[in-house]
Amino acid sequence: MSISDTEKVLFSIVVPVFNGAGQIRRTMASLLQDTHISIEIIVVNDGSTDSTENIVKLMAESDERIRYFYQKNQGPSAARNYGLQQARGAYVLFVDSDDEIVAGALEALSTIIETHQSDLIAFNFRPTFGTRADITSGVFPATGVYSSLSCLSLLYRGNIDNFVWSYCFSASIFDRIHFPYGINMMEDAVVMNEVFRNIDSVYILNDELYLYDVREGSLSRSMSRWKVEQGFQALSTIGTLPVPENDRLSFIRYMTKMYMFLIHSLEYKKNNKKVGKEIIRNILTLNKEVSVIREYGLKMFIKILLMRFLYL
């Protein structure tokens, strides 16, 4: 299937990939299955050293909907920004190179666009291992139209998520928003916090359109210090944004949860103590007027005390 220069592209699907040779065929096959909807798949090879380039180029030879680009390794934020610069579609989706979309996902989204002209569509996802509750705590909302401010509240409560792959964006949103340069941990959270502050309404679809690849044990592995530092930088950026007063407590819980994820992912050793100290100080500052036991429970209270003992 080909796309002429004059044909209107509905969806630009941006796929950043680094050393994804083992999974990229499966991902691409899921994106190509809806043949009657006008799409382009923008694959940005972020400096892969495996056979990713050969695989994608071979697929592009037989399907002109695939557009291949290469950049030196800079991380997913830069790869997504590069993909956005190439995008010709009216709407943008992001798909990670080891994930999939379900059959009929693009058709479902196009129907909503035709009937509601929404700038943003949020949809549910299904992990390949475990359940959604293992990843996010809140119950996904009912299908319908929501204000952007109510969606901020839902984000803070964990009902909808930071993951950019769980949204369909009007391309015009990225005229004023981009992924933070040099940040490749929790960069999604920065983007979604900015998006909800720059649109009017959101259509929420309580259907599982995305398959999130989770391998056993992957949710509990440790991260390098530089990755944790980038996450800390992302959260520091979010912390500068204005928060509606009636959502202040939910925002504190939201930020505390992400800070705790970072500090739990940090291996405890001497050269990690500086960033660990900064994280725990921010947790304590956020919660200085909060009853930690009442808001988070005894287990979280003990965890925070332990981290304070270790790093301060």
C-alpha atoms as a PDB file:
ATOM      1  CA  MET A   1       0.000   0.000   0.000  1.00  0.00           C
ATOM      2  CA  SER A   2       1.370   3.415  -0.908  1.00  0.00           C
ATOM      3  CA  ILE A   3       0.626   6.970   0.150  1.00  0.00           C
ATOM      4  CA  SER A   4       0.693   9.658  -2.510  1.00  0.00           C
ATOM      5  CA  ASP A   5       2.067  13.107  -1.735  1.00  0.00           C
ATOM      6  CA  THR A   6      -1.436  14.568  -1.972  1.00  0.00           C
ATOM      7  CA  GLU A   7      -3.257  11.967   0.117  1.00  0.00           C
ATOM      8  CA  LYS A   8      -4.290  13.094   3.574  1.00  0.00           C
ATOM      9  CA  VAL A   9      -2.560  11.045   6.276  1.00  0.00           C
ATOM     10  CA  LEU A  10      -4.768  10.545   9.319  1.00  0.00           C
ATOM     11  CA  PHE A  11      -2.276   8.930  11.716  1.00  0.00           C
ATOM     12  CA  SER A  12       1.467   9.403  12.022  1.00  0.00           C
ATOM     13  CA  ILE A  13       2.740   6.566  14.209  1.00  0.00           C
ATOM     14  CA  VAL A  14       6.162   7.364  15.675  1.00  0.00           C
ATOM     15  CA  VAL A  15       8.245   4.325  16.649  1.00  0.00           C
ATOM     16  CA  PRO A  16      11.606   5.068  18.315  1.00  0.00           C
ATOM     17  CA  VAL A  17      13.844   1.995  18.313  1.00  0.00           C
ATOM     18  CA  PHE A  18      17.223   1.083  19.748  1.00  0.00           C
ATOM     19  CA  ASN A  19      18.515  -2.457  19.180  1.00  0.00           C
ATOM     20  CA  GLY A  20      14.996  -3.754  18.621  1.00  0.00           C
ATOM     21  CA  ALA A  21      15.754  -6.484  16.092  1.00  0.00           C
ATOM     22  CA  GLY A  22      14.150  -9.150  18.252  1.00  0.00           C
ATOM     23  CA  GLN A  23      10.744  -7.462  18.536  1.00  0.00           C
ATOM     24  CA  ILE A  24      10.358  -4.875  15.769  1.00  0.00           C
ATOM     25  CA  ARG A  25       8.749  -7.226  13.217  1.00  0.00           C
ATOM     26  CA  ARG A  26       5.939  -8.101  15.624  1.00  0.00           C
ATOM     27  CA  THR A  27       5.395  -4.444  16.503  1.00  0.00           C
ATOM     28  CA  MET A  28       5.297  -3.355  12.862  1.00  0.00           C
ATOM     29  CA  ALA A  29       2.915  -6.157  11.907  1.00  0.00           C
ATOM     30  CA  SER A  30       0.410  -4.907  14.483  1.00  0.00           C
ATOM     31  CA  LEU A  31       0.601  -1.373  13.039  1.00  0.00           C
ATOM     32  CA  LEU A  32       0.162  -2.478   9.428  1.00  0.00           C
ATOM     33  CA  GLN A  33      -2.931  -4.650   9.923  1.00  0.00           C
ATOM     34  CA  ASP A  34      -5.536  -1.868   9.366  1.00  0.00           C
ATOM     35  CA  THR A  35      -5.049  -1.437   5.618  1.00  0.00           C
ATOM     36  CA  HIS A  36      -8.045   0.838   4.917  1.00  0.00           C
ATOM     37  CA  ILE A  37      -6.970   3.676   7.228  1.00  0.00           C
ATOM     38  CA  SER A  38      -4.426   6.238   5.994  1.00  0.00           C
ATOM     39  CA  ILE A  39      -1.303   5.997   8.141  1.00  0.00           C
ATOM     40  CA  GLU A  40       2.416   6.532   8.027  1.00  0.00           C
ATOM     41  CA  ILE A  41       4.786   4.688  10.346  1.00  0.00           C
ATOM     42  CA  ILE A  42       7.827   6.784  11.200  1.00  0.00           C
ATOM     43  CA  VAL A  43      10.575   4.521  12.509  1.00  0.00           C
ATOM     44  CA  VAL A  44      13.433   6.455  14.111  1.00  0.00           C
ATOM     45  CA  ASN A  45      16.478   4.246  14.585  1.00  0.00           C
ATOM     46  CA  ASP A  46      18.244   5.714  17.614  1.00  0.00           C
ATOM     47  CA  GLY A  47      21.749   4.465  16.772  1.00  0.00           C
ATOM     48  CA  SER A  48      21.051   0.716  16.886  1.00  0.00           C
ATOM     49  CA  THR A  49      24.062  -1.595  16.613  1.00  0.00           C
ATOM     50  CA  ASP A  50      22.077  -4.749  15.773  1.00  0.00           C
ATOM     51  CA  SER A  51      20.158  -5.636  12.590  1.00  0.00           C
ATOM     52  CA  THR A  52      17.255  -3.232  13.253  1.00  0.00           C
ATOM     53  CA  GLU A  53      18.122  -1.074  10.235  1.00  0.00           C
ATOM     54  CA  ASN A  54      18.155  -4.003   7.795  1.00  0.00           C
ATOM     55  CA  ILE A  55      14.850  -5.359   9.110  1.00  0.00           C
ATOM     56  CA  VAL A  56      12.969  -2.057   8.885  1.00  0.00           C
ATOM     57  CA  LYS A  57      14.416  -1.097   5.492  1.00  0.00           C
ATOM     58  CA  LEU A  58      13.401  -4.473   4.081  1.00  0.00           C
ATOM     59  CA  MET A  59       9.848  -4.008   5.393  1.00  0.00           C
ATOM     60  CA  ALA A  60       9.741  -0.462   3.962  1.00  0.00           C
ATOM     61  CA  GLU A  61      10.575  -1.792   0.503  1.00  0.00           C
ATOM     62  CA  SER A  62       7.296  -3.714   0.437  1.00  0.00           C
ATOM     63  CA  ASP A  63       5.081  -1.148   2.212  1.00  0.00           C
ATOM     64  CA  GLU A  64       5.392   2.558   1.473  1.00  0.00           C
ATOM     65  CA  ARG A  65       3.545   3.462   4.634  1.00  0.00           C
ATOM     66  CA  ILE A  66       6.831   2.821   6.478  1.00  0.00           C
ATOM     67  CA  ARG A  67       9.285   5.728   6.605  1.00  0.00           C
ATOM     68  CA  TYR A  68      12.728   4.991   8.018  1.00  0.00           C
ATOM     69  CA  PHE A  69      15.062   7.533   9.666  1.00  0.00           C
ATOM     70  CA  TYR A  70      18.363   7.223  11.489  1.00  0.00           C
ATOM     71  CA  GLN A  71      19.952   9.347  14.196  1.00  0.00           C
ATOM     72  CA  LYS A  72      22.987   8.921  16.421  1.00  0.00           C
ATOM     73  CA  ASN A  73      22.020   7.500  19.799  1.00  0.00           C
ATOM     74  CA  GLN A  74      20.363  10.237  21.851  1.00  0.00           C
ATOM     75  CA  GLY A  75      17.547   8.411  23.613  1.00  0.00           C
ATOM     76  CA  PRO A  76      13.767   8.156  23.109  1.00  0.00           C
ATOM     77  CA  SER A  77      12.995  11.843  23.766  1.00  0.00           C
ATOM     78  CA  ALA A  78      15.201  13.014  20.896  1.00  0.00           C
ATOM     79  CA  ALA A  79      13.958  10.146  18.684  1.00  0.00           C
ATOM     80  CA  ARG A  80      10.322  11.104  19.277  1.00  0.00           C
ATOM     81  CA  ASN A  81      11.053  14.779  18.634  1.00  0.00           C
ATOM     82  CA  TYR A  82      12.787  13.810  15.379  1.00  0.00           C
ATOM     83  CA  GLY A  83       9.802  11.670  14.409  1.00  0.00           C
ATOM     84  CA  LEU A  84       7.432  14.566  15.127  1.00  0.00           C
ATOM     85  CA  GLN A  85       9.431  16.789  12.777  1.00  0.00           C
ATOM     86  CA  GLN A  86       8.811  14.266   9.978  1.00  0.00           C
ATOM     87  CA  ALA A  87       5.126  13.661  10.739  1.00  0.00           C
ATOM     88  CA  ARG A  88       2.517  14.529   8.085  1.00  0.00           C
ATOM     89  CA  GLY A  89      -0.567  13.131   9.830  1.00  0.00           C
ATOM     90  CA  ALA A  90      -3.429  14.997  11.438  1.00  0.00           C
ATOM     91  CA  TYR A  91      -3.002  12.852  14.564  1.00  0.00           C
ATOM     92  CA  VAL A  92       0.034  11.306  16.232  1.00  0.00           C
ATOM     93  CA  LEU A  93       0.470   8.028  18.078  1.00  0.00           C
ATOM     94  CA  PHE A  94       3.613   6.787  19.811  1.00  0.00           C
ATOM     95  CA  VAL A  95       4.368   3.074  19.919  1.00  0.00           C
ATOM     96  CA  ASP A  96       7.410   1.555  21.623  1.00  0.00           C
ATOM     97  CA  SER A  97       9.389  -0.882  19.508  1.00  0.00           C
ATOM     98  CA  ASP A  98       8.545  -3.921  21.665  1.00  0.00           C
ATOM     99  CA  ASP A  99       4.821  -3.207  22.072  1.00  0.00           C
ATOM    100  CA  GLU A 100       1.760  -3.683  19.860  1.00  0.00           C
ATOM    101  CA  ILE A 101      -1.643  -2.193  19.144  1.00  0.00           C
ATOM    102  CA  VAL A 102      -4.692  -4.440  18.994  1.00  0.00           C
ATOM    103  CA  ALA A 103      -6.585  -5.211  15.794  1.00  0.00           C
ATOM    104  CA  GLY A 104      -9.145  -2.487  15.104  1.00  0.00           C
ATOM    105  CA  ALA A 105      -7.428   0.132  17.297  1.00  0.00           C
ATOM    106  CA  LEU A 106      -6.910   2.641  14.490  1.00  0.00           C
ATOM    107  CA  GLU A 107     -10.471   2.189  13.265  1.00  0.00           C
ATOM    108  CA  ALA A 108     -11.817   2.831  16.777  1.00  0.00           C
ATOM    109  CA  LEU A 109      -9.741   6.013  17.052  1.00  0.00           C
ATOM    110  CA  SER A 110     -10.745   7.254  13.594  1.00  0.00           C
ATOM    111  CA  THR A 111     -14.424   6.830  14.504  1.00  0.00           C
ATOM    112  CA  ILE A 112     -13.971   8.993  17.604  1.00  0.00           C
ATOM    113  CA  ILE A 113     -12.132  11.630  15.563  1.00  0.00           C
ATOM    114  CA  GLU A 114     -14.968  11.745  13.016  1.00  0.00           C
ATOM    115  CA  THR A 115     -17.668  12.126  15.656  1.00  0.00           C
ATOM    116  CA  HIS A 116     -15.951  14.263  18.312  1.00  0.00           C
ATOM    117  CA  GLN A 117     -12.960  16.047  16.671  1.00  0.00           C
ATOM    118  CA  SER A 118     -11.072  15.628  19.946  1.00  0.00           C
ATOM    119  CA  ASP A 119      -7.579  17.083  20.340  1.00  0.00           C
ATOM    120  CA  LEU A 120      -6.631  14.188  22.605  1.00  0.00           C
ATOM    121  CA  ILE A 121      -7.957  10.656  23.049  1.00  0.00           C
ATOM    122  CA  ALA A 122      -6.937   8.588  26.066  1.00  0.00           C
ATOM    123  CA  PHE A 123      -7.317   4.816  25.887  1.00  0.00           C
ATOM    124  CA  ASN A 124      -6.696   1.826  28.115  1.00  0.00           C
ATOM    125  CA  PHE A 125      -3.912  -0.736  27.782  1.00  0.00           C
ATOM    126  CA  ARG A 126      -3.179  -4.340  28.675  1.00  0.00           C
ATOM    127  CA  PRO A 127       0.228  -5.588  29.876  1.00  0.00           C
ATOM    128  CA  THR A 128       1.581  -8.853  28.484  1.00  0.00           C
ATOM    129  CA  PHE A 129       2.546 -10.006  31.993  1.00  0.00           C
ATOM    130  CA  GLY A 130       0.473  -9.408  35.105  1.00  0.00           C
ATOM    131  CA  THR A 131      -2.365  -6.871  35.156  1.00  0.00           C
ATOM    132  CA  ARG A 132      -2.841  -3.141  34.746  1.00  0.00           C
ATOM    133  CA  ALA A 133      -3.121  -2.908  38.536  1.00  0.00           C
ATOM    134  CA  ASP A 134       0.537  -3.996  38.802  1.00  0.00           C
ATOM    135  CA  ILE A 135       1.525  -0.837  36.933  1.00  0.00           C
ATOM    136  CA  THR A 136      -1.018   1.782  37.953  1.00  0.00           C
ATOM    137  CA  SER A 137      -3.361   1.835  40.908  1.00  0.00           C
ATOM    138  CA  GLY A 138      -6.434   3.716  39.695  1.00  0.00           C
ATOM    139  CA  VAL A 139      -9.511   2.387  37.923  1.00  0.00           C
ATOM    140  CA  PHE A 140      -9.677   3.538  34.307  1.00  0.00           C
ATOM    141  CA  PRO A 141     -12.539   6.031  33.744  1.00  0.00           C
ATOM    142  CA  ALA A 142     -15.750   5.423  31.847  1.00  0.00           C
ATOM    143  CA  THR A 143     -15.883   6.311  28.155  1.00  0.00           C
ATOM    144  CA  GLY A 144     -16.832   9.929  27.494  1.00  0.00           C
ATOM    145  CA  VAL A 145     -15.693  13.535  27.110  1.00  0.00           C
ATOM    146  CA  TYR A 146     -13.796  15.109  30.027  1.00  0.00           C
ATOM    147  CA  SER A 147     -12.366  18.573  30.642  1.00  0.00           C
ATOM    148  CA  SER A 148      -8.593  18.878  30.645  1.00  0.00           C
ATOM    149  CA  LEU A 149      -8.627  19.949  34.304  1.00  0.00           C
ATOM    150  CA  SER A 150     -10.602  16.870  35.318  1.00  0.00           C
ATOM    151  CA  CYS A 151      -8.047  14.790  33.406  1.00  0.00           C
ATOM    152  CA  LEU A 152      -5.244  16.341  35.447  1.00  0.00           C
ATOM    153  CA  SER A 153      -7.094  15.107  38.523  1.00  0.00           C
ATOM    154  CA  LEU A 154      -7.448  11.651  36.963  1.00  0.00           C
ATOM    155  CA  LEU A 155      -3.729  11.639  36.138  1.00  0.00           C
ATOM    156  CA  TYR A 156      -2.780  12.516  39.712  1.00  0.00           C
ATOM    157  CA  ARG A 157      -5.063   9.789  41.054  1.00  0.00           C
ATOM    158  CA  GLY A 158      -3.659   7.130  38.715  1.00  0.00           C
ATOM    159  CA  ASN A 159      -6.886   6.623  36.744  1.00  0.00           C
ATOM    160  CA  ILE A 160      -5.157   7.626  33.511  1.00  0.00           C
ATOM    161  CA  ASP A 161      -1.443   7.368  32.907  1.00  0.00           C
ATOM    162  CA  ASN A 162       1.738   9.244  32.087  1.00  0.00           C
ATOM    163  CA  PHE A 163       2.543   6.916  29.162  1.00  0.00           C
ATOM    164  CA  VAL A 164       2.374   8.828  25.856  1.00  0.00           C
ATOM    165  CA  TRP A 165       1.637   5.552  24.056  1.00  0.00           C
ATOM    166  CA  SER A 166      -1.762   5.450  25.772  1.00  0.00           C
ATOM    167  CA  TYR A 167      -2.958   8.592  23.955  1.00  0.00           C
ATOM    168  CA  CYS A 168      -3.782   9.746  20.440  1.00  0.00           C
ATOM    169  CA  PHE A 169      -2.735  13.390  19.947  1.00  0.00           C
ATOM    170  CA  SER A 170      -3.813  16.057  17.500  1.00  0.00           C
ATOM    171  CA  ALA A 171      -0.581  16.891  15.681  1.00  0.00           C
ATOM    172  CA  SER A 172      -1.143  20.591  16.404  1.00  0.00           C
ATOM    173  CA  ILE A 173      -0.427  19.942  20.101  1.00  0.00           C
ATOM    174  CA  PHE A 174       3.238  19.477  19.221  1.00  0.00           C
ATOM    175  CA  ASP A 175       3.467  22.908  17.639  1.00  0.00           C
ATOM    176  CA  ARG A 176       4.024  24.170  21.204  1.00  0.00           C
ATOM    177  CA  ILE A 177       5.136  21.091  23.178  1.00  0.00           C
ATOM    178  CA  HIS A 178       8.123  18.780  22.738  1.00  0.00           C
ATOM    179  CA  PHE A 179       9.817  16.010  24.654  1.00  0.00           C
ATOM    180  CA  PRO A 180      12.383  17.406  27.112  1.00  0.00           C
ATOM    181  CA  TYR A 181      15.866  17.355  25.616  1.00  0.00           C
ATOM    182  CA  GLY A 182      18.377  15.228  27.480  1.00  0.00           C
ATOM    183  CA  ILE A 183      15.726  13.570  29.681  1.00  0.00           C
ATOM    184  CA  ASN A 184      14.954   9.921  28.925  1.00  0.00           C
ATOM    185  CA  MET A 185      13.361   8.875  32.199  1.00  0.00           C
ATOM    186  CA  MET A 186       9.831  10.011  33.151  1.00  0.00           C
ATOM    187  CA  GLU A 187       9.866  12.253  30.074  1.00  0.00           C
ATOM    188  CA  ASP A 188       6.323  11.060  29.336  1.00  0.00           C
ATOM    189  CA  ALA A 189       5.142  12.556  32.625  1.00  0.00           C
ATOM    190  CA  VAL A 190       6.580  15.947  31.688  1.00  0.00           C
ATOM    191  CA  VAL A 191       4.837  15.887  28.309  1.00  0.00           C
ATOM    192  CA  MET A 192       1.432  14.788  29.636  1.00  0.00           C
ATOM    193  CA  ASN A 193       1.481  17.383  32.421  1.00  0.00           C
ATOM    194  CA  GLU A 194       2.114  20.059  29.783  1.00  0.00           C
ATOM    195  CA  VAL A 195      -0.455  18.668  27.333  1.00  0.00           C
ATOM    196  CA  PHE A 196      -3.307  18.719  29.840  1.00  0.00           C
ATOM    197  CA  ARG A 197      -2.514  22.370  30.562  1.00  0.00           C
ATOM    198  CA  ASN A 198      -2.694  23.310  26.866  1.00  0.00           C
ATOM    199  CA  ILE A 199      -5.945  21.721  25.656  1.00  0.00           C
ATOM    200  CA  ASP A 200      -9.632  22.094  26.504  1.00  0.00           C
ATOM    201  CA  SER A 201     -11.079  18.586  26.536  1.00  0.00           C
ATOM    202  CA  VAL A 202     -10.206  14.901  26.225  1.00  0.00           C
ATOM    203  CA  TYR A 203     -12.149  11.936  24.909  1.00  0.00           C
ATOM    204  CA  ILE A 204     -11.528   8.906  27.141  1.00  0.00           C
ATOM    205  CA  LEU A 205     -12.102   5.482  25.595  1.00  0.00           C
ATOM    206  CA  ASN A 206     -12.290   2.616  28.058  1.00  0.00           C
ATOM    207  CA  ASP A 207     -11.079   0.014  25.565  1.00  0.00           C
ATOM    208  CA  GLU A 208      -7.707  -1.762  25.686  1.00  0.00           C
ATOM    209  CA  LEU A 209      -6.103  -0.641  22.422  1.00  0.00           C
ATOM    210  CA  TYR A 210      -2.447  -1.098  23.385  1.00  0.00           C
ATOM    211  CA  LEU A 211      -0.425  -4.154  24.410  1.00  0.00           C
ATOM    212  CA  TYR A 212       2.385  -3.147  26.748  1.00  0.00           C
ATOM    213  CA  ASP A 213       5.249  -5.640  26.733  1.00  0.00           C
ATOM    214  CA  VAL A 214       6.177  -6.504  30.326  1.00  0.00           C
ATOM    215  CA  ARG A 215       8.613  -9.269  31.116  1.00  0.00           C
ATOM    216  CA  GLU A 216       8.611 -11.046  34.464  1.00  0.00           C
ATOM    217  CA  GLY A 217      10.858  -9.174  36.888  1.00  0.00           C
ATOM    218  CA  SER A 218      11.190  -6.091  34.658  1.00  0.00           C
ATOM    219  CA  LEU A 219       9.109  -3.884  36.962  1.00  0.00           C
ATOM    220  CA  SER A 220      11.499  -4.313  39.895  1.00  0.00           C
ATOM    221  CA  ARG A 221      14.935  -4.021  38.281  1.00  0.00           C
ATOM    222  CA  SER A 222      17.397  -1.294  39.333  1.00  0.00           C
ATOM    223  CA  MET A 223      18.421   1.650  37.152  1.00  0.00           C
ATOM    224  CA  SER A 224      21.714   3.406  36.584  1.00  0.00           C
ATOM    225  CA  ARG A 225      22.408   6.604  38.507  1.00  0.00           C
ATOM    226  CA  TRP A 226      22.273   8.777  35.373  1.00  0.00           C
ATOM    227  CA  LYS A 227      18.823   7.381  34.547  1.00  0.00           C
ATOM    228  CA  VAL A 228      17.584   8.167  38.057  1.00  0.00           C
ATOM    229  CA  GLU A 229      19.090  11.647  37.792  1.00  0.00           C
ATOM    230  CA  GLN A 230      17.147  12.241  34.570  1.00  0.00           C
ATOM    231  CA  GLY A 231      13.963  11.087  36.294  1.00  0.00           C
ATOM    232  CA  PHE A 232      14.699  13.510  39.124  1.00  0.00           C
ATOM    233  CA  GLN A 233      15.154  16.295  36.551  1.00  0.00           C
ATOM    234  CA  ALA A 234      11.815  15.393  34.952  1.00  0.00           C
ATOM    235  CA  LEU A 235       9.994  15.527  38.297  1.00  0.00           C
ATOM    236  CA  SER A 236      11.697  18.818  39.166  1.00  0.00           C
ATOM    237  CA  THR A 237      10.294  20.233  35.905  1.00  0.00           C
ATOM    238  CA  ILE A 238       6.778  19.025  36.727  1.00  0.00           C
ATOM    239  CA  GLY A 239       7.136  20.549  40.199  1.00  0.00           C
ATOM    240  CA  THR A 240       7.373  24.040  38.679  1.00  0.00           C
ATOM    241  CA  LEU A 241       3.964  23.777  36.972  1.00  0.00           C
ATOM    242  CA  PRO A 242       0.863  25.340  38.553  1.00  0.00           C
ATOM    243  CA  VAL A 243      -1.500  22.923  40.301  1.00  0.00           C
ATOM    244  CA  PRO A 244      -5.211  23.566  40.993  1.00  0.00           C
ATOM    245  CA  GLU A 245      -5.636  24.013  44.737  1.00  0.00           C
ATOM    246  CA  ASN A 246      -8.314  21.317  45.044  1.00  0.00           C
ATOM    247  CA  ASP A 247      -5.903  18.819  43.435  1.00  0.00           C
ATOM    248  CA  ARG A 248      -2.943  19.714  45.631  1.00  0.00           C
ATOM    249  CA  LEU A 249      -3.091  16.615  47.822  1.00  0.00           C
ATOM    250  CA  SER A 250      -3.533  14.286  44.834  1.00  0.00           C
ATOM    251  CA  PHE A 251      -0.563  15.983  43.154  1.00  0.00           C
ATOM    252  CA  ILE A 252       1.594  15.424  46.256  1.00  0.00           C
ATOM    253  CA  ARG A 253       0.687  11.731  46.265  1.00  0.00           C
ATOM    254  CA  TYR A 254       1.357  11.487  42.507  1.00  0.00           C
ATOM    255  CA  MET A 255       4.798  13.080  42.816  1.00  0.00           C
ATOM    256  CA  THR A 256       5.693  11.135  45.950  1.00  0.00           C
ATOM    257  CA  LYS A 257       4.876   7.861  44.228  1.00  0.00           C
ATOM    258  CA  MET A 258       7.216   8.688  41.332  1.00  0.00           C
ATOM    259  CA  TYR A 259       9.995   9.909  43.622  1.00  0.00           C
ATOM    260  CA  MET A 260       9.701   6.661  45.613  1.00  0.00           C
ATOM    261  CA  PHE A 261       9.925   4.657  42.395  1.00  0.00           C
ATOM    262  CA  LEU A 262      13.183   6.452  41.567  1.00  0.00           C
ATOM    263  CA  ILE A 263      14.767   5.961  44.959  1.00  0.00           C
ATOM    264  CA  HIS A 264      13.775   2.272  45.066  1.00  0.00           C
ATOM    265  CA  SER A 265      15.383   1.850  41.645  1.00  0.00           C
ATOM    266  CA  LEU A 266      18.650   3.401  42.850  1.00  0.00           C
ATOM    267  CA  GLU A 267      21.286   0.953  43.981  1.00  0.00           C
ATOM    268  CA  TYR A 268      22.526   1.999  47.427  1.00  0.00           C
ATOM    269  CA  LYS A 269      26.226   2.799  47.126  1.00  0.00           C
ATOM    270  CA  LYS A 270      28.503   5.739  47.830  1.00  0.00           C
ATOM    271  CA  ASN A 271      28.423   7.519  44.464  1.00  0.00           C
ATOM    272  CA  ASN A 272      24.601   7.340  44.402  1.00  0.00           C
ATOM    273  CA  LYS A 273      24.107   9.088  47.737  1.00  0.00           C
ATOM    274  CA  LYS A 274      23.935  12.625  46.333  1.00  0.00           C
ATOM    275  CA  VAL A 275      20.944  12.008  44.077  1.00  0.00           C
ATOM    276  CA  GLY A 276      19.350   9.812  46.762  1.00  0.00           C
ATOM    277  CA  LYS A 277      19.632  12.676  49.226  1.00  0.00           C
ATOM    278  CA  GLU A 278      18.035  15.107  46.756  1.00  0.00           C
ATOM    279  CA  ILE A 279      15.130  12.733  46.143  1.00  0.00           C
ATOM    280  CA  ILE A 280      14.357  12.073  49.800  1.00  0.00           C
ATOM    281  CA  ARG A 281      14.593  15.802  50.593  1.00  0.00           C
ATOM    282  CA  ASN A 282      12.028  16.536  47.887  1.00  0.00           C
ATOM    283  CA  ILE A 283       9.752  13.807  49.258  1.00  0.00           C
ATOM    284  CA  LEU A 284       9.961  15.301  52.750  1.00  0.00           C
ATOM    285  CA  THR A 285       9.406  18.847  51.443  1.00  0.00           C
ATOM    286  CA  LEU A 286       6.366  17.766  49.422  1.00  0.00           C
ATOM    287  CA  ASN A 287       4.840  16.046  52.441  1.00  0.00           C
ATOM    288  CA  LYS A 288       5.806  18.535  55.160  1.00  0.00           C
ATOM    289  CA  GLU A 289       2.137  19.375  55.872  1.00  0.00           C
ATOM    290  CA  VAL A 290       0.806  15.868  55.202  1.00  0.00           C
ATOM    291  CA  SER A 291       0.144  13.055  57.661  1.00  0.00           C
ATOM    292  CA  VAL A 292       2.192  10.379  55.896  1.00  0.00           C
ATOM    293  CA  ILE A 293       0.653   7.471  57.809  1.00  0.00           C
ATOM    294  CA  ARG A 294      -2.903   8.630  57.083  1.00  0.00           C
ATOM    295  CA  GLU A 295      -2.284   9.403  53.413  1.00  0.00           C
ATOM    296  CA  TYR A 296       0.014   6.512  52.472  1.00  0.00           C
ATOM    297  CA  GLY A 297      -0.299   3.924  55.215  1.00  0.00           C
ATOM    298  CA  LEU A 298       2.191   2.492  57.680  1.00  0.00           C
ATOM    299  CA  LYS A 299       4.158   0.543  55.066  1.00  0.00           C
ATOM    300  CA  MET A 300       4.959   3.664  53.036  1.00  0.00           C
ATOM    301  CA  PHE A 301       5.711   5.605  56.223  1.00  0.00           C
ATOM    302  CA  ILE A 302       8.332   3.014  57.190  1.00  0.00           C
ATOM    303  CA  LYS A 303       9.832   3.074  53.678  1.00  0.00           C
ATOM    304  CA  ILE A 304      10.207   6.863  53.799  1.00  0.00           C
ATOM    305  CA  LEU A 305      11.791   6.668  57.258  1.00  0.00           C
ATOM    306  CA  LEU A 306      14.228   4.024  56.015  1.00  0.00           C
ATOM    307  CA  MET A 307      15.222   6.105  52.996  1.00  0.00           C
ATOM    308  CA  ARG A 308      15.655   9.151  55.223  1.00  0.00           C
ATOM    309  CA  PHE A 309      17.957   7.122  57.480  1.00  0.00           C
ATOM    310  CA  LEU A 310      19.992   5.860  54.506  1.00  0.00           C
ATOM    311  CA  TYR A 311      20.439   9.117  52.617  1.00  0.00           C
ATOM    312  CA  LEU A 312      20.256  11.985  55.142  1.00  0.00           C
END
